[in-house]
Amino acid sequence: MKKFKLLVSLHTRDNDFQIAQAQSAEDTARRLGMEAEIVFADNDAVNQSTQILKAIQASADLRPNAIVVEPVSGTALPQVARAACAAGIGWVVLNRTPEYLSQLRSGASAPVFVVGSNHREIGRIQGRQFAALLPQGGSILYIEGPAQSSSAQKRTAGMLETKPKNIQVVSLKGKWTEKSAERAVLSWLALATSQNALIDVVGAQDDSMAMGARKAFQKISSEDKARWLRLPFTGCDGLPATGQKWVREGWLAATIYIPPLAGTAIEILAKAMRDGAQPPAQTLTQSFSFPPLEGLVRRQAQAARK
């Protein structure tokens, strides 16, 4: 019997969460007796579209039964999605809720659904972390994801909801990679305005960018270098081998654990194929602070008494 074939399309190899997504997809597909091909778009929406269309247009024996995609673009590849559904291929979107979802589901013969992180809640958790780290208020250098990313937008909105009013935010833009954050911080440090900025915490919307910010500060030669590197750094993703490890080693003050989505998506897909029914349109995973918020509050209280 022919194995159920999956194409899993992800952003980049230069991000620990994307690598965890790939591993989650491979492990889950293997456990469920599926065959998964993982491709990376190198953060290029046109490249991603081309890769997926090539798979859709392949001969029937090579064509995937379903496509799991974390779109680079905010629109989530509507034309490609329609082409997949027209070919009877399942379409699963990670970390986006595209406008076309309900229309596509209504006419699809294969499963069409979304699995995502609750990005607004992730932002809220990060805002609470900032409150715990700065009980008297202060300023944060905040490194966001790309401007067009709905995930980044929602995390920022959530953070602004819960951070206290006495905490000010200076925002920079990255691209979910260590190098992009390093470049953003170095460019900011070259500005005259940065010399007078009194920053108390460096926060990033993912752990890779938090570590990229640290690398930027390690490269400066001014006498402020040691002060910058003593600041608390925070991120998101919180994977055991990276973000959580960096917290334990003291490189990060805190992170937020965000479960990889691809494995969950493949499990839902397998059940939908077995039951012959569309799954729920959207499934959201749950995230949490690492260390717990109470631990951050306790740590700051102990530091204040010293």
C-alpha atoms as a PDB file:
ATOM      1  CA  MET A   1       0.000   0.000   0.000  1.00  0.00           C
ATOM      2  CA  LYS A   2       1.295   3.461  -0.935  1.00  0.00           C
ATOM      3  CA  LYS A   3       2.434   5.559   2.025  1.00  0.00           C
ATOM      4  CA  PHE A   4       0.609   8.801   2.787  1.00  0.00           C
ATOM      5  CA  LYS A   5       2.953  11.545   1.551  1.00  0.00           C
ATOM      6  CA  LEU A   6       3.369  14.950   3.168  1.00  0.00           C
ATOM      7  CA  LEU A   7       5.164  18.072   2.015  1.00  0.00           C
ATOM      8  CA  VAL A   8       6.133  20.322   4.932  1.00  0.00           C
ATOM      9  CA  SER A   9       7.175  23.850   3.904  1.00  0.00           C
ATOM     10  CA  LEU A  10       8.940  25.997   6.520  1.00  0.00           C
ATOM     11  CA  HIS A  11      10.645  29.401   6.616  1.00  0.00           C
ATOM     12  CA  THR A  12      14.356  28.880   7.224  1.00  0.00           C
ATOM     13  CA  ARG A  13      17.035  26.616   8.646  1.00  0.00           C
ATOM     14  CA  ASP A  14      18.454  29.612  10.575  1.00  0.00           C
ATOM     15  CA  ASN A  15      15.903  29.551  13.390  1.00  0.00           C
ATOM     16  CA  ASP A  16      15.717  27.033  16.228  1.00  0.00           C
ATOM     17  CA  PHE A  17      11.894  26.985  16.261  1.00  0.00           C
ATOM     18  CA  GLN A  18      11.784  26.184  12.535  1.00  0.00           C
ATOM     19  CA  ILE A  19      14.274  23.362  13.063  1.00  0.00           C
ATOM     20  CA  ALA A  20      12.082  22.070  15.902  1.00  0.00           C
ATOM     21  CA  GLN A  21       9.085  22.258  13.551  1.00  0.00           C
ATOM     22  CA  ALA A  22      10.934  20.094  11.037  1.00  0.00           C
ATOM     23  CA  GLN A  23      11.943  17.558  13.690  1.00  0.00           C
ATOM     24  CA  SER A  24       8.404  17.446  15.069  1.00  0.00           C
ATOM     25  CA  ALA A  25       7.037  16.805  11.570  1.00  0.00           C
ATOM     26  CA  GLU A  26       9.542  14.042  10.835  1.00  0.00           C
ATOM     27  CA  ASP A  27       9.029  12.304  14.194  1.00  0.00           C
ATOM     28  CA  THR A  28       5.226  12.418  14.027  1.00  0.00           C
ATOM     29  CA  ALA A  29       5.060  11.327  10.386  1.00  0.00           C
ATOM     30  CA  ARG A  30       7.372   8.392  11.094  1.00  0.00           C
ATOM     31  CA  ARG A  31       5.289   7.337  14.108  1.00  0.00           C
ATOM     32  CA  LEU A  32       2.082   7.474  12.056  1.00  0.00           C
ATOM     33  CA  GLY A  33       3.564   5.596   9.094  1.00  0.00           C
ATOM     34  CA  MET A  34       3.646   8.638   6.797  1.00  0.00           C
ATOM     35  CA  GLU A  35       6.384   9.900   4.517  1.00  0.00           C
ATOM     36  CA  ALA A  36       7.344  13.559   5.102  1.00  0.00           C
ATOM     37  CA  GLU A  37       9.469  15.743   2.836  1.00  0.00           C
ATOM     38  CA  ILE A  38      10.709  18.937   4.528  1.00  0.00           C
ATOM     39  CA  VAL A  39      11.588  21.994   2.422  1.00  0.00           C
ATOM     40  CA  PHE A  40      12.783  25.435   3.550  1.00  0.00           C
ATOM     41  CA  ALA A  41      11.914  28.643   1.706  1.00  0.00           C
ATOM     42  CA  ASP A  42      14.888  30.719   2.946  1.00  0.00           C
ATOM     43  CA  ASN A  43      12.403  33.374   4.128  1.00  0.00           C
ATOM     44  CA  ASP A  44      11.385  34.012   0.498  1.00  0.00           C
ATOM     45  CA  ALA A  45       7.651  33.910  -0.297  1.00  0.00           C
ATOM     46  CA  VAL A  46       8.231  33.523  -4.052  1.00  0.00           C
ATOM     47  CA  ASN A  47      10.622  30.630  -3.454  1.00  0.00           C
ATOM     48  CA  GLN A  48       8.092  29.003  -1.119  1.00  0.00           C
ATOM     49  CA  SER A  49       5.307  29.361  -3.680  1.00  0.00           C
ATOM     50  CA  THR A  50       7.498  27.861  -6.407  1.00  0.00           C
ATOM     51  CA  GLN A  51       8.545  24.900  -4.242  1.00  0.00           C
ATOM     52  CA  ILE A  52       4.945  24.033  -3.343  1.00  0.00           C
ATOM     53  CA  LEU A  53       3.539  24.500  -6.857  1.00  0.00           C
ATOM     54  CA  LYS A  54       6.216  22.171  -8.217  1.00  0.00           C
ATOM     55  CA  ALA A  55       5.015  19.479  -5.818  1.00  0.00           C
ATOM     56  CA  ILE A  56       1.332  20.074  -6.684  1.00  0.00           C
ATOM     57  CA  GLN A  57       2.070  19.824 -10.409  1.00  0.00           C
ATOM     58  CA  ALA A  58       4.121  16.631 -10.101  1.00  0.00           C
ATOM     59  CA  SER A  59       2.874  13.332 -11.492  1.00  0.00           C
ATOM     60  CA  ALA A  60       0.235  11.521  -9.433  1.00  0.00           C
ATOM     61  CA  ASP A  61       2.722   9.007  -7.995  1.00  0.00           C
ATOM     62  CA  LEU A  62       5.016  11.803  -6.734  1.00  0.00           C
ATOM     63  CA  ARG A  63       2.375  14.320  -5.644  1.00  0.00           C
ATOM     64  CA  PRO A  64       1.859  14.745  -1.861  1.00  0.00           C
ATOM     65  CA  ASN A  65      -1.458  13.804  -0.263  1.00  0.00           C
ATOM     66  CA  ALA A  66      -1.279  16.878   1.956  1.00  0.00           C
ATOM     67  CA  ILE A  67       0.803  20.033   2.377  1.00  0.00           C
ATOM     68  CA  VAL A  68       1.668  21.544   5.751  1.00  0.00           C
ATOM     69  CA  VAL A  69       2.943  25.090   5.313  1.00  0.00           C
ATOM     70  CA  GLU A  70       4.120  27.874   7.575  1.00  0.00           C
ATOM     71  CA  PRO A  71       3.737  30.760   5.093  1.00  0.00           C
ATOM     72  CA  VAL A  72       6.432  33.377   4.748  1.00  0.00           C
ATOM     73  CA  SER A  73       3.875  35.872   3.438  1.00  0.00           C
ATOM     74  CA  GLY A  74       1.024  37.309   5.472  1.00  0.00           C
ATOM     75  CA  THR A  75      -1.541  36.285   2.833  1.00  0.00           C
ATOM     76  CA  ALA A  76      -0.658  32.587   3.203  1.00  0.00           C
ATOM     77  CA  LEU A  77      -0.384  31.815  -0.527  1.00  0.00           C
ATOM     78  CA  PRO A  78      -4.065  31.912  -1.574  1.00  0.00           C
ATOM     79  CA  GLN A  79      -3.502  30.872  -5.206  1.00  0.00           C
ATOM     80  CA  VAL A  80      -1.265  27.986  -4.182  1.00  0.00           C
ATOM     81  CA  ALA A  81      -3.841  26.901  -1.591  1.00  0.00           C
ATOM     82  CA  ARG A  82      -6.573  26.826  -4.250  1.00  0.00           C
ATOM     83  CA  ALA A  83      -4.343  24.842  -6.599  1.00  0.00           C
ATOM     84  CA  ALA A  84      -3.700  22.271  -3.853  1.00  0.00           C
ATOM     85  CA  CYS A  85      -7.400  21.880  -3.078  1.00  0.00           C
ATOM     86  CA  ALA A  86      -8.288  21.630  -6.780  1.00  0.00           C
ATOM     87  CA  ALA A  87      -5.839  18.713  -6.980  1.00  0.00           C
ATOM     88  CA  GLY A  88      -7.466  17.012  -3.959  1.00  0.00           C
ATOM     89  CA  ILE A  89      -4.462  17.719  -1.729  1.00  0.00           C
ATOM     90  CA  GLY A  90      -4.941  18.537   1.957  1.00  0.00           C
ATOM     91  CA  TRP A  91      -3.877  22.072   2.989  1.00  0.00           C
ATOM     92  CA  VAL A  92      -2.728  22.804   6.530  1.00  0.00           C
ATOM     93  CA  VAL A  93      -1.527  26.280   7.517  1.00  0.00           C
ATOM     94  CA  LEU A  94       0.734  26.872  10.513  1.00  0.00           C
ATOM     95  CA  ASN A  95       0.791  30.159  12.422  1.00  0.00           C
ATOM     96  CA  ARG A  96      -1.585  32.062  10.121  1.00  0.00           C
ATOM     97  CA  THR A  97      -5.377  32.343   9.836  1.00  0.00           C
ATOM     98  CA  PRO A  98      -5.853  33.201   6.161  1.00  0.00           C
ATOM     99  CA  GLU A  99      -8.911  35.073   4.914  1.00  0.00           C
ATOM    100  CA  TYR A 100      -9.594  32.334   2.377  1.00  0.00           C
ATOM    101  CA  LEU A 101      -9.912  29.559   4.984  1.00  0.00           C
ATOM    102  CA  SER A 102     -13.710  29.227   5.238  1.00  0.00           C
ATOM    103  CA  GLN A 103     -14.234  29.453   1.475  1.00  0.00           C
ATOM    104  CA  LEU A 104     -11.554  26.848   0.824  1.00  0.00           C
ATOM    105  CA  ARG A 105     -12.992  24.469   3.434  1.00  0.00           C
ATOM    106  CA  SER A 106     -16.489  24.696   1.968  1.00  0.00           C
ATOM    107  CA  GLY A 107     -15.435  23.203  -1.374  1.00  0.00           C
ATOM    108  CA  ALA A 108     -12.482  21.003  -0.408  1.00  0.00           C
ATOM    109  CA  SER A 109     -12.474  17.217  -0.705  1.00  0.00           C
ATOM    110  CA  ALA A 110      -9.403  16.938   1.569  1.00  0.00           C
ATOM    111  CA  PRO A 111      -8.764  18.407   5.041  1.00  0.00           C
ATOM    112  CA  VAL A 112      -8.153  22.167   5.232  1.00  0.00           C
ATOM    113  CA  PHE A 113      -7.393  23.726   8.616  1.00  0.00           C
ATOM    114  CA  VAL A 114      -5.067  25.894  10.694  1.00  0.00           C
ATOM    115  CA  VAL A 115      -2.834  25.100  13.672  1.00  0.00           C
ATOM    116  CA  GLY A 116      -1.357  28.098  15.416  1.00  0.00           C
ATOM    117  CA  SER A 117       0.213  29.545  18.511  1.00  0.00           C
ATOM    118  CA  ASN A 118      -1.814  32.076  20.480  1.00  0.00           C
ATOM    119  CA  HIS A 119       0.494  34.953  19.590  1.00  0.00           C
ATOM    120  CA  ARG A 120      -1.468  37.626  21.411  1.00  0.00           C
ATOM    121  CA  GLU A 121      -1.257  35.558  24.605  1.00  0.00           C
ATOM    122  CA  ILE A 122       2.471  35.012  24.014  1.00  0.00           C
ATOM    123  CA  GLY A 123       2.810  38.803  23.883  1.00  0.00           C
ATOM    124  CA  ARG A 124       0.767  39.138  27.074  1.00  0.00           C
ATOM    125  CA  ILE A 125       3.077  36.688  28.834  1.00  0.00           C
ATOM    126  CA  GLN A 126       6.105  38.658  27.659  1.00  0.00           C
ATOM    127  CA  GLY A 127       4.542  41.885  28.955  1.00  0.00           C
ATOM    128  CA  ARG A 128       4.093  40.227  32.357  1.00  0.00           C
ATOM    129  CA  GLN A 129       7.726  39.076  32.256  1.00  0.00           C
ATOM    130  CA  PHE A 130       8.803  42.680  31.659  1.00  0.00           C
ATOM    131  CA  ALA A 131       6.685  43.771  34.625  1.00  0.00           C
ATOM    132  CA  ALA A 132       8.383  41.145  36.815  1.00  0.00           C
ATOM    133  CA  LEU A 133      11.862  42.169  35.648  1.00  0.00           C
ATOM    134  CA  LEU A 134      11.192  45.908  36.055  1.00  0.00           C
ATOM    135  CA  PRO A 135       8.963  46.304  39.136  1.00  0.00           C
ATOM    136  CA  GLN A 136       9.906  50.004  39.368  1.00  0.00           C
ATOM    137  CA  GLY A 137       9.486  50.619  35.638  1.00  0.00           C
ATOM    138  CA  GLY A 138      12.152  51.362  33.037  1.00  0.00           C
ATOM    139  CA  SER A 139      12.886  50.946  29.334  1.00  0.00           C
ATOM    140  CA  ILE A 140      13.024  47.935  27.042  1.00  0.00           C
ATOM    141  CA  LEU A 141      14.876  47.488  23.766  1.00  0.00           C
ATOM    142  CA  TYR A 142      12.307  45.323  21.977  1.00  0.00           C
ATOM    143  CA  ILE A 143      13.236  43.330  18.864  1.00  0.00           C
ATOM    144  CA  GLU A 144      10.167  42.404  16.840  1.00  0.00           C
ATOM    145  CA  GLY A 145       9.692  40.060  13.901  1.00  0.00           C
ATOM    146  CA  PRO A 146       9.088  41.410  10.367  1.00  0.00           C
ATOM    147  CA  ALA A 147       6.539  44.209   9.982  1.00  0.00           C
ATOM    148  CA  GLN A 148       4.347  42.103   7.659  1.00  0.00           C
ATOM    149  CA  SER A 149       4.240  39.146  10.077  1.00  0.00           C
ATOM    150  CA  SER A 150       0.864  38.750  11.783  1.00  0.00           C
ATOM    151  CA  SER A 151       2.614  36.709  14.498  1.00  0.00           C
ATOM    152  CA  ALA A 152       4.904  39.643  15.287  1.00  0.00           C
ATOM    153  CA  GLN A 153       2.018  42.116  15.197  1.00  0.00           C
ATOM    154  CA  LYS A 154      -0.067  40.055  17.619  1.00  0.00           C
ATOM    155  CA  ARG A 155       2.855  39.514  20.007  1.00  0.00           C
ATOM    156  CA  THR A 156       3.505  43.255  20.102  1.00  0.00           C
ATOM    157  CA  ALA A 157      -0.182  44.016  20.715  1.00  0.00           C
ATOM    158  CA  GLY A 158      -0.335  41.475  23.539  1.00  0.00           C
ATOM    159  CA  MET A 159       2.853  42.799  25.131  1.00  0.00           C
ATOM    160  CA  LEU A 160       1.513  46.362  25.074  1.00  0.00           C
ATOM    161  CA  GLU A 161      -1.686  45.158  26.779  1.00  0.00           C
ATOM    162  CA  THR A 162       0.065  43.804  29.855  1.00  0.00           C
ATOM    163  CA  LYS A 163       3.266  45.798  30.296  1.00  0.00           C
ATOM    164  CA  PRO A 164       2.906  48.500  32.965  1.00  0.00           C
ATOM    165  CA  LYS A 165       2.605  52.102  31.808  1.00  0.00           C
ATOM    166  CA  ASN A 166       5.882  52.984  33.520  1.00  0.00           C
ATOM    167  CA  ILE A 167       7.794  50.715  31.118  1.00  0.00           C
ATOM    168  CA  GLN A 168       8.824  52.403  27.861  1.00  0.00           C
ATOM    169  CA  VAL A 169       9.567  50.476  24.662  1.00  0.00           C
ATOM    170  CA  VAL A 170      12.186  51.164  21.972  1.00  0.00           C
ATOM    171  CA  SER A 171      11.409  48.888  19.004  1.00  0.00           C
ATOM    172  CA  LEU A 172      13.701  47.391  16.353  1.00  0.00           C
ATOM    173  CA  LYS A 173      12.809  44.997  13.522  1.00  0.00           C
ATOM    174  CA  GLY A 174      14.369  41.599  12.889  1.00  0.00           C
ATOM    175  CA  LYS A 175      13.569  38.635  10.643  1.00  0.00           C
ATOM    176  CA  TRP A 176      13.298  35.800  13.188  1.00  0.00           C
ATOM    177  CA  THR A 177      17.028  35.034  12.858  1.00  0.00           C
ATOM    178  CA  GLU A 178      20.062  35.664  15.028  1.00  0.00           C
ATOM    179  CA  LYS A 179      21.923  37.524  12.291  1.00  0.00           C
ATOM    180  CA  SER A 180      19.015  39.852  11.523  1.00  0.00           C
ATOM    181  CA  ALA A 181      18.756  40.907  15.175  1.00  0.00           C
ATOM    182  CA  GLU A 182      22.512  41.352  15.429  1.00  0.00           C
ATOM    183  CA  ARG A 183      22.435  43.675  12.394  1.00  0.00           C
ATOM    184  CA  ALA A 184      19.429  45.608  13.746  1.00  0.00           C
ATOM    185  CA  VAL A 185      21.089  46.225  17.109  1.00  0.00           C
ATOM    186  CA  LEU A 186      24.445  47.215  15.566  1.00  0.00           C
ATOM    187  CA  SER A 187      22.650  49.671  13.268  1.00  0.00           C
ATOM    188  CA  TRP A 188      20.777  51.121  16.240  1.00  0.00           C
ATOM    189  CA  LEU A 189      24.000  51.447  18.257  1.00  0.00           C
ATOM    190  CA  ALA A 190      25.482  53.480  15.403  1.00  0.00           C
ATOM    191  CA  LEU A 191      22.767  56.118  15.853  1.00  0.00           C
ATOM    192  CA  ALA A 192      23.497  59.120  18.041  1.00  0.00           C
ATOM    193  CA  THR A 193      20.153  58.663  19.812  1.00  0.00           C
ATOM    194  CA  SER A 194      21.192  55.251  21.150  1.00  0.00           C
ATOM    195  CA  GLN A 195      24.061  56.791  23.129  1.00  0.00           C
ATOM    196  CA  ASN A 196      21.627  58.494  25.499  1.00  0.00           C
ATOM    197  CA  ALA A 197      19.138  55.625  25.706  1.00  0.00           C
ATOM    198  CA  LEU A 198      18.753  54.188  29.202  1.00  0.00           C
ATOM    199  CA  ILE A 199      17.772  50.578  28.504  1.00  0.00           C
ATOM    200  CA  ASP A 200      17.021  48.197  31.384  1.00  0.00           C
ATOM    201  CA  VAL A 201      15.953  45.009  29.550  1.00  0.00           C
ATOM    202  CA  VAL A 202      16.518  43.628  26.041  1.00  0.00           C
ATOM    203  CA  GLY A 203      13.452  41.677  24.910  1.00  0.00           C
ATOM    204  CA  ALA A 204      13.007  39.814  21.633  1.00  0.00           C
ATOM    205  CA  GLN A 205      10.107  38.045  20.018  1.00  0.00           C
ATOM    206  CA  ASP A 206      12.147  34.892  19.653  1.00  0.00           C
ATOM    207  CA  ASP A 207      15.209  33.371  21.313  1.00  0.00           C
ATOM    208  CA  SER A 208      17.352  33.484  18.167  1.00  0.00           C
ATOM    209  CA  MET A 209      16.924  37.258  17.970  1.00  0.00           C
ATOM    210  CA  ALA A 210      17.632  37.637  21.696  1.00  0.00           C
ATOM    211  CA  MET A 211      20.934  35.825  21.217  1.00  0.00           C
ATOM    212  CA  GLY A 212      21.654  37.909  18.112  1.00  0.00           C
ATOM    213  CA  ALA A 213      21.236  41.046  20.234  1.00  0.00           C
ATOM    214  CA  ARG A 214      23.726  39.649  22.756  1.00  0.00           C
ATOM    215  CA  LYS A 215      26.220  39.042  19.944  1.00  0.00           C
ATOM    216  CA  ALA A 216      25.838  42.638  18.795  1.00  0.00           C
ATOM    217  CA  PHE A 217      26.659  43.981  22.242  1.00  0.00           C
ATOM    218  CA  GLN A 218      29.627  41.618  22.493  1.00  0.00           C
ATOM    219  CA  LYS A 219      31.096  43.246  19.370  1.00  0.00           C
ATOM    220  CA  ILE A 220      31.114  46.838  20.599  1.00  0.00           C
ATOM    221  CA  SER A 221      34.352  48.205  21.973  1.00  0.00           C
ATOM    222  CA  SER A 222      33.001  51.034  24.119  1.00  0.00           C
ATOM    223  CA  GLU A 223      33.163  51.042  27.895  1.00  0.00           C
ATOM    224  CA  ASP A 224      29.398  50.426  27.880  1.00  0.00           C
ATOM    225  CA  LYS A 225      29.859  46.871  26.604  1.00  0.00           C
ATOM    226  CA  ALA A 226      29.910  45.282  30.063  1.00  0.00           C
ATOM    227  CA  ARG A 227      26.826  47.256  31.135  1.00  0.00           C
ATOM    228  CA  TRP A 228      24.855  46.124  28.081  1.00  0.00           C
ATOM    229  CA  LEU A 229      25.778  42.474  28.612  1.00  0.00           C
ATOM    230  CA  ARG A 230      24.710  42.609  32.275  1.00  0.00           C
ATOM    231  CA  LEU A 231      21.152  43.519  31.288  1.00  0.00           C
ATOM    232  CA  PRO A 232      18.426  40.851  31.372  1.00  0.00           C
ATOM    233  CA  PHE A 233      17.694  39.421  27.901  1.00  0.00           C
ATOM    234  CA  THR A 234      14.420  37.661  27.123  1.00  0.00           C
ATOM    235  CA  GLY A 235      13.048  35.776  24.145  1.00  0.00           C
ATOM    236  CA  CYS A 236      10.322  33.405  22.980  1.00  0.00           C
ATOM    237  CA  ASP A 237      10.188  29.786  21.712  1.00  0.00           C
ATOM    238  CA  GLY A 238      11.695  28.249  24.856  1.00  0.00           C
ATOM    239  CA  LEU A 239      12.751  24.965  23.298  1.00  0.00           C
ATOM    240  CA  PRO A 240      14.504  22.623  25.755  1.00  0.00           C
ATOM    241  CA  ALA A 241      17.800  22.458  23.830  1.00  0.00           C
ATOM    242  CA  THR A 242      18.040  26.192  23.150  1.00  0.00           C
ATOM    243  CA  GLY A 243      15.876  28.782  24.939  1.00  0.00           C
ATOM    244  CA  GLN A 244      15.396  26.833  28.174  1.00  0.00           C
ATOM    245  CA  LYS A 245      19.071  25.842  28.165  1.00  0.00           C
ATOM    246  CA  TRP A 246      20.097  29.485  27.678  1.00  0.00           C
ATOM    247  CA  VAL A 247      17.952  30.500  30.656  1.00  0.00           C
ATOM    248  CA  ARG A 248      19.611  27.867  32.841  1.00  0.00           C
ATOM    249  CA  GLU A 249      23.049  29.023  31.687  1.00  0.00           C
ATOM    250  CA  GLY A 250      22.238  32.692  32.381  1.00  0.00           C
ATOM    251  CA  TRP A 251      22.346  33.935  28.766  1.00  0.00           C
ATOM    252  CA  LEU A 252      18.631  34.705  28.938  1.00  0.00           C
ATOM    253  CA  ALA A 253      16.640  35.860  31.959  1.00  0.00           C
ATOM    254  CA  ALA A 254      13.429  34.337  30.618  1.00  0.00           C
ATOM    255  CA  THR A 255      11.768  32.827  27.567  1.00  0.00           C
ATOM    256  CA  ILE A 256       8.299  31.590  26.621  1.00  0.00           C
ATOM    257  CA  TYR A 257       7.757  27.975  25.678  1.00  0.00           C
ATOM    258  CA  ILE A 258       5.888  27.702  22.360  1.00  0.00           C
ATOM    259  CA  PRO A 259       5.126  24.100  21.355  1.00  0.00           C
ATOM    260  CA  PRO A 260       6.188  23.186  17.791  1.00  0.00           C
ATOM    261  CA  LEU A 261       3.061  23.048  15.636  1.00  0.00           C
ATOM    262  CA  ALA A 262       3.899  20.695  12.791  1.00  0.00           C
ATOM    263  CA  GLY A 263       3.549  17.466  14.787  1.00  0.00           C
ATOM    264  CA  THR A 264       0.165  18.536  16.170  1.00  0.00           C
ATOM    265  CA  ALA A 265      -0.968  19.438  12.635  1.00  0.00           C
ATOM    266  CA  ILE A 266       0.033  16.025  11.287  1.00  0.00           C
ATOM    267  CA  GLU A 267      -1.793  14.223  14.119  1.00  0.00           C
ATOM    268  CA  ILE A 268      -4.978  16.205  13.368  1.00  0.00           C
ATOM    269  CA  LEU A 269      -4.519  15.499   9.665  1.00  0.00           C
ATOM    270  CA  ALA A 270      -4.145  11.751  10.262  1.00  0.00           C
ATOM    271  CA  LYS A 271      -7.333  11.650  12.352  1.00  0.00           C
ATOM    272  CA  ALA A 272      -9.245  13.660   9.732  1.00  0.00           C
ATOM    273  CA  MET A 273      -8.159  11.270   6.979  1.00  0.00           C
ATOM    274  CA  ARG A 274      -9.121   8.278   9.126  1.00  0.00           C
ATOM    275  CA  ASP A 275     -12.544   9.729  10.022  1.00  0.00           C
ATOM    276  CA  GLY A 276     -13.226  11.143   6.557  1.00  0.00           C
ATOM    277  CA  ALA A 277     -14.285  14.505   8.012  1.00  0.00           C
ATOM    278  CA  GLN A 278     -13.009  18.057   8.180  1.00  0.00           C
ATOM    279  CA  PRO A 279     -11.319  18.806  11.537  1.00  0.00           C
ATOM    280  CA  PRO A 280     -11.996  22.075  13.392  1.00  0.00           C
ATOM    281  CA  ALA A 281     -11.008  25.102  11.322  1.00  0.00           C
ATOM    282  CA  GLN A 282      -8.453  26.266  13.904  1.00  0.00           C
ATOM    283  CA  THR A 283      -6.504  24.705  16.761  1.00  0.00           C
ATOM    284  CA  LEU A 284      -4.370  26.866  19.078  1.00  0.00           C
ATOM    285  CA  THR A 285      -1.569  25.535  21.277  1.00  0.00           C
ATOM    286  CA  GLN A 286      -0.823  26.816  24.790  1.00  0.00           C
ATOM    287  CA  SER A 287       2.377  28.629  25.798  1.00  0.00           C
ATOM    288  CA  PHE A 288       3.888  29.450  29.203  1.00  0.00           C
ATOM    289  CA  SER A 289       6.670  31.471  30.799  1.00  0.00           C
ATOM    290  CA  PHE A 290      10.020  29.804  31.513  1.00  0.00           C
ATOM    291  CA  PRO A 291      10.833  30.224  34.328  1.00  0.00           C
ATOM    292  CA  PRO A 292       7.327  30.699  35.747  1.00  0.00           C
ATOM    293  CA  LEU A 293       6.375  34.327  36.390  1.00  0.00           C
ATOM    294  CA  GLU A 294       6.391  33.762  40.153  1.00  0.00           C
ATOM    295  CA  GLY A 295      10.027  32.693  39.866  1.00  0.00           C
ATOM    296  CA  LEU A 296      10.943  35.886  38.024  1.00  0.00           C
ATOM    297  CA  VAL A 297       9.191  38.018  40.628  1.00  0.00           C
ATOM    298  CA  ARG A 298      10.961  36.150  43.440  1.00  0.00           C
ATOM    299  CA  ARG A 299      14.348  36.496  41.740  1.00  0.00           C
ATOM    300  CA  GLN A 300      13.938  40.237  41.298  1.00  0.00           C
ATOM    301  CA  ALA A 301      12.864  40.650  44.912  1.00  0.00           C
ATOM    302  CA  GLN A 302      15.972  38.757  46.075  1.00  0.00           C
ATOM    303  CA  ALA A 303      18.213  40.868  43.828  1.00  0.00           C
ATOM    304  CA  ALA A 304      16.679  44.081  45.210  1.00  0.00           C
ATOM    305  CA  ARG A 305      17.501  43.006  48.791  1.00  0.00           C
ATOM    306  CA  LYS A 306      21.184  42.455  48.023  1.00  0.00           C
END
